[in-house]
Amino acid sequence: MPDKNETGPSVANQAAYWKSTLRLTLGLLSIWFLASFGAGILFREALDNFSIGGAPLGFWMAQNGAIYIFLILIVIYCIRMTQLEKKYGIKG
């Protein structure tokens, strides 16, 4: 149970926290979109000039690369959200 003297984050901190959270989320989703849809579909022909392990890069990105990038983005999201919570005094 929280102490009566303990106050939560200010309204300004809450607004800044949500703005930062939305910016982070949209940025990471944009990267994932470019990695999955962009590299796997839109830029596939250009990427197929290169290969990874004998497979064309466009195919590899569609099958494997987007998943690896998504996992990396999850780790980045967790680290950055922890930093934002500390910065703005938000308790989880």
N, C-alpha and C. Protein backbone atom coordinates (compact mmCIF):
# COMPACT_ATOMS: atom_id res chain seq x y z
N MET A 1 0.84 -1.17 0.00
CA MET A 1 0.00 0.00 0.00
C MET A 1 0.90 1.24 0.00
N PRO A 2 0.66 2.21 -0.89
CA PRO A 2 1.52 3.39 -0.93
C PRO A 2 1.33 4.27 0.28
N ASP A 3 2.40 4.98 0.65
CA ASP A 3 2.33 5.93 1.75
C ASP A 3 1.44 7.09 1.37
N LYS A 4 0.82 7.70 2.38
CA LYS A 4 -0.04 8.86 2.13
C LYS A 4 0.78 10.06 1.69
N ASN A 5 2.05 10.13 2.13
CA ASN A 5 2.92 11.24 1.76
C ASN A 5 3.50 11.08 0.36
N GLU A 6 3.44 9.86 -0.16
CA GLU A 6 4.04 9.59 -1.48
C GLU A 6 3.11 10.10 -2.58
N THR A 7 3.66 10.91 -3.43
CA THR A 7 2.87 11.42 -4.54
C THR A 7 3.34 10.77 -5.82
N GLY A 8 2.44 10.65 -6.77
CA GLY A 8 2.78 10.05 -8.05
C GLY A 8 3.44 11.08 -8.94
N PRO A 9 3.72 10.69 -10.16
CA PRO A 9 4.34 11.61 -11.10
C PRO A 9 3.40 12.78 -11.41
N SER A 10 3.99 13.92 -11.69
CA SER A 10 3.17 15.09 -12.00
C SER A 10 2.46 14.90 -13.33
N VAL A 11 1.48 15.72 -13.56
CA VAL A 11 0.72 15.66 -14.81
C VAL A 11 1.64 15.94 -16.00
N ALA A 12 2.57 16.86 -15.82
CA ALA A 12 3.52 17.18 -16.90
C ALA A 12 4.41 15.97 -17.19
N ASN A 13 4.86 15.29 -16.12
CA ASN A 13 5.69 14.09 -16.32
C ASN A 13 4.89 12.98 -17.00
N GLN A 14 3.64 12.82 -16.62
CA GLN A 14 2.81 11.80 -17.24
C GLN A 14 2.62 12.08 -18.73
N ALA A 15 2.37 13.33 -19.07
CA ALA A 15 2.19 13.70 -20.48
C ALA A 15 3.48 13.48 -21.28
N ALA A 16 4.60 13.88 -20.69
CA ALA A 16 5.89 13.70 -21.36
C ALA A 16 6.22 12.22 -21.51
N TYR A 17 5.88 11.43 -20.49
CA TYR A 17 6.11 9.98 -20.53
C TYR A 17 5.32 9.35 -21.68
N TRP A 18 4.04 9.68 -21.79
CA TRP A 18 3.23 9.10 -22.85
C TRP A 18 3.66 9.57 -24.23
N LYS A 19 4.08 10.80 -24.33
CA LYS A 19 4.59 11.30 -25.61
C LYS A 19 5.85 10.53 -26.00
N SER A 20 6.75 10.32 -25.06
CA SER A 20 7.98 9.57 -25.32
C SER A 20 7.67 8.11 -25.64
N THR A 21 6.70 7.54 -24.92
CA THR A 21 6.31 6.15 -25.17
C THR A 21 5.74 5.98 -26.58
N LEU A 22 4.87 6.88 -26.98
CA LEU A 22 4.29 6.81 -28.33
C LEU A 22 5.36 7.00 -29.40
N ARG A 23 6.27 7.93 -29.18
CA ARG A 23 7.35 8.17 -30.14
C ARG A 23 8.21 6.91 -30.29
N LEU A 24 8.57 6.30 -29.16
CA LEU A 24 9.37 5.08 -29.18
C LEU A 24 8.62 3.95 -29.91
N THR A 25 7.37 3.75 -29.56
CA THR A 25 6.58 2.68 -30.16
C THR A 25 6.43 2.86 -31.66
N LEU A 26 6.08 4.06 -32.08
CA LEU A 26 5.92 4.31 -33.52
C LEU A 26 7.24 4.17 -34.27
N GLY A 27 8.33 4.61 -33.66
CA GLY A 27 9.64 4.47 -34.29
C GLY A 27 10.02 3.01 -34.48
N LEU A 28 9.82 2.21 -33.44
CA LEU A 28 10.18 0.79 -33.53
C LEU A 28 9.25 0.04 -34.49
N LEU A 29 7.97 0.39 -34.50
CA LEU A 29 7.05 -0.23 -35.46
C LEU A 29 7.41 0.15 -36.90
N SER A 30 7.88 1.36 -37.10
CA SER A 30 8.32 1.78 -38.44
C SER A 30 9.52 0.96 -38.90
N ILE A 31 10.46 0.75 -38.00
CA ILE A 31 11.63 -0.06 -38.34
C ILE A 31 11.19 -1.48 -38.68
N TRP A 32 10.29 -2.03 -37.88
CA TRP A 32 9.82 -3.39 -38.15
C TRP A 32 9.08 -3.46 -39.49
N PHE A 33 8.27 -2.46 -39.79
CA PHE A 33 7.56 -2.42 -41.07
C PHE A 33 8.55 -2.40 -42.23
N LEU A 34 9.57 -1.56 -42.13
CA LEU A 34 10.57 -1.51 -43.20
C LEU A 34 11.32 -2.82 -43.34
N ALA A 35 11.60 -3.47 -42.21
CA ALA A 35 12.33 -4.74 -42.26
C ALA A 35 11.47 -5.86 -42.81
N SER A 36 10.22 -5.91 -42.42
CA SER A 36 9.38 -7.03 -42.85
C SER A 36 8.74 -6.77 -44.21
N PHE A 37 7.95 -5.73 -44.32
CA PHE A 37 7.25 -5.44 -45.57
C PHE A 37 8.20 -4.85 -46.60
N GLY A 38 9.04 -3.92 -46.17
CA GLY A 38 9.96 -3.27 -47.09
C GLY A 38 11.00 -4.22 -47.66
N ALA A 39 11.77 -4.85 -46.77
CA ALA A 39 12.85 -5.72 -47.23
C ALA A 39 12.32 -7.03 -47.81
N GLY A 40 11.22 -7.54 -47.27
CA GLY A 40 10.69 -8.81 -47.75
C GLY A 40 9.84 -8.71 -48.99
N ILE A 41 9.26 -7.54 -49.26
CA ILE A 41 8.35 -7.41 -50.40
C ILE A 41 8.76 -6.27 -51.34
N LEU A 42 8.81 -5.04 -50.81
CA LEU A 42 9.04 -3.88 -51.67
C LEU A 42 10.43 -3.85 -52.29
N PHE A 43 11.45 -4.14 -51.50
CA PHE A 43 12.83 -4.05 -51.97
C PHE A 43 13.45 -5.42 -52.24
N ARG A 44 12.61 -6.44 -52.35
CA ARG A 44 13.10 -7.81 -52.50
C ARG A 44 13.99 -7.97 -53.73
N GLU A 45 13.56 -7.46 -54.86
CA GLU A 45 14.33 -7.64 -56.09
C GLU A 45 15.73 -7.02 -55.97
N ALA A 46 15.82 -5.84 -55.38
CA ALA A 46 17.13 -5.20 -55.22
C ALA A 46 17.99 -5.98 -54.22
N LEU A 47 17.37 -6.48 -53.16
CA LEU A 47 18.12 -7.23 -52.14
C LEU A 47 18.54 -8.61 -52.63
N ASP A 48 17.82 -9.15 -53.61
CA ASP A 48 18.16 -10.48 -54.12
C ASP A 48 19.49 -10.51 -54.86
N ASN A 49 20.08 -9.36 -55.12
CA ASN A 49 21.42 -9.33 -55.72
C ASN A 49 22.49 -9.78 -54.73
N PHE A 50 22.13 -9.83 -53.46
CA PHE A 50 23.04 -10.27 -52.41
C PHE A 50 22.50 -11.57 -51.83
N SER A 51 23.34 -12.32 -51.16
CA SER A 51 22.86 -13.57 -50.57
C SER A 51 23.43 -13.77 -49.17
N ILE A 52 22.69 -14.54 -48.40
CA ILE A 52 23.11 -14.94 -47.06
C ILE A 52 22.97 -16.46 -47.00
N GLY A 53 24.07 -17.14 -46.81
CA GLY A 53 24.04 -18.60 -46.73
C GLY A 53 23.50 -19.26 -47.98
N GLY A 54 23.69 -18.66 -49.13
CA GLY A 54 23.22 -19.23 -50.38
C GLY A 54 21.80 -18.84 -50.75
N ALA A 55 21.08 -18.19 -49.84
CA ALA A 55 19.71 -17.75 -50.12
C ALA A 55 19.72 -16.27 -50.49
N PRO A 56 18.89 -15.87 -51.45
CA PRO A 56 18.81 -14.45 -51.79
C PRO A 56 18.41 -13.63 -50.55
N LEU A 57 19.00 -12.44 -50.41
CA LEU A 57 18.78 -11.62 -49.22
C LEU A 57 17.31 -11.23 -49.04
N GLY A 58 16.60 -10.92 -50.13
CA GLY A 58 15.18 -10.57 -50.02
C GLY A 58 14.36 -11.71 -49.45
N PHE A 59 14.63 -12.92 -49.93
CA PHE A 59 13.94 -14.11 -49.41
C PHE A 59 14.32 -14.33 -47.95
N TRP A 60 15.61 -14.21 -47.64
CA TRP A 60 16.06 -14.42 -46.28
C TRP A 60 15.42 -13.42 -45.31
N MET A 61 15.31 -12.16 -45.75
CA MET A 61 14.68 -11.14 -44.89
C MET A 61 13.21 -11.47 -44.65
N ALA A 62 12.52 -11.95 -45.68
CA ALA A 62 11.11 -12.29 -45.52
C ALA A 62 10.93 -13.49 -44.59
N GLN A 63 11.85 -14.46 -44.65
CA GLN A 63 11.70 -15.69 -43.88
C GLN A 63 12.32 -15.60 -42.49
N ASN A 64 13.46 -14.95 -42.37
CA ASN A 64 14.20 -14.97 -41.10
C ASN A 64 14.52 -13.58 -40.56
N GLY A 65 14.99 -12.71 -41.42
CA GLY A 65 15.50 -11.42 -40.99
C GLY A 65 14.49 -10.59 -40.22
N ALA A 66 13.24 -10.55 -40.68
CA ALA A 66 12.22 -9.75 -40.01
C ALA A 66 11.97 -10.26 -38.60
N ILE A 67 12.05 -11.58 -38.41
CA ILE A 67 11.84 -12.15 -37.08
C ILE A 67 12.99 -11.76 -36.15
N TYR A 68 14.23 -11.86 -36.64
CA TYR A 68 15.38 -11.46 -35.83
C TYR A 68 15.31 -9.98 -35.47
N ILE A 69 14.95 -9.16 -36.43
CA ILE A 69 14.84 -7.73 -36.17
C ILE A 69 13.74 -7.47 -35.15
N PHE A 70 12.63 -8.17 -35.25
CA PHE A 70 11.54 -8.01 -34.29
C PHE A 70 12.01 -8.36 -32.88
N LEU A 71 12.76 -9.44 -32.73
CA LEU A 71 13.26 -9.82 -31.41
C LEU A 71 14.21 -8.77 -30.85
N ILE A 72 15.06 -8.22 -31.70
CA ILE A 72 15.97 -7.15 -31.27
C ILE A 72 15.17 -5.92 -30.85
N LEU A 73 14.11 -5.60 -31.60
CA LEU A 73 13.28 -4.45 -31.26
C LEU A 73 12.56 -4.64 -29.92
N ILE A 74 12.19 -5.86 -29.59
CA ILE A 74 11.57 -6.13 -28.30
C ILE A 74 12.55 -5.82 -27.17
N VAL A 75 13.79 -6.25 -27.33
CA VAL A 75 14.81 -5.98 -26.31
C VAL A 75 15.04 -4.47 -26.18
N ILE A 76 15.15 -3.78 -27.31
CA ILE A 76 15.33 -2.32 -27.30
C ILE A 76 14.15 -1.66 -26.60
N TYR A 77 12.93 -2.12 -26.90
CA TYR A 77 11.73 -1.55 -26.28
C TYR A 77 11.77 -1.72 -24.76
N CYS A 78 12.12 -2.90 -24.29
CA CYS A 78 12.18 -3.15 -22.85
C CYS A 78 13.21 -2.26 -22.17
N ILE A 79 14.37 -2.14 -22.77
CA ILE A 79 15.44 -1.30 -22.19
C ILE A 79 15.01 0.16 -22.16
N ARG A 80 14.50 0.65 -23.27
CA ARG A 80 14.11 2.07 -23.35
C ARG A 80 12.92 2.39 -22.44
N MET A 81 11.96 1.47 -22.32
CA MET A 81 10.82 1.72 -21.45
C MET A 81 11.26 1.78 -19.99
N THR A 82 12.19 0.94 -19.61
CA THR A 82 12.72 0.99 -18.24
C THR A 82 13.40 2.33 -17.99
N GLN A 83 14.16 2.80 -18.97
CA GLN A 83 14.82 4.10 -18.85
C GLN A 83 13.79 5.23 -18.76
N LEU A 84 12.75 5.17 -19.58
CA LEU A 84 11.72 6.21 -19.55
C LEU A 84 10.97 6.21 -18.23
N GLU A 85 10.67 5.03 -17.70
CA GLU A 85 9.97 4.96 -16.42
C GLU A 85 10.80 5.57 -15.30
N LYS A 86 12.08 5.32 -15.31
CA LYS A 86 12.96 5.93 -14.29
C LYS A 86 13.05 7.43 -14.49
N LYS A 87 13.19 7.86 -15.75
CA LYS A 87 13.33 9.28 -16.04
C LYS A 87 12.13 10.08 -15.59
N TYR A 88 10.93 9.55 -15.82
CA TYR A 88 9.71 10.30 -15.51
C TYR A 88 9.06 9.89 -14.19
N GLY A 89 9.70 9.01 -13.44
CA GLY A 89 9.19 8.64 -12.13
C GLY A 89 7.93 7.81 -12.17
N ILE A 90 7.79 6.99 -13.19
CA ILE A 90 6.63 6.13 -13.32
C ILE A 90 6.98 4.78 -12.70
N LYS A 91 6.13 4.29 -11.80
CA LYS A 91 6.39 3.00 -11.16
C LYS A 91 5.52 1.95 -11.84
N GLY A 92 6.15 0.80 -12.14
CA GLY A 92 5.45 -0.28 -12.81
C GLY A 92 4.79 -1.24 -11.89
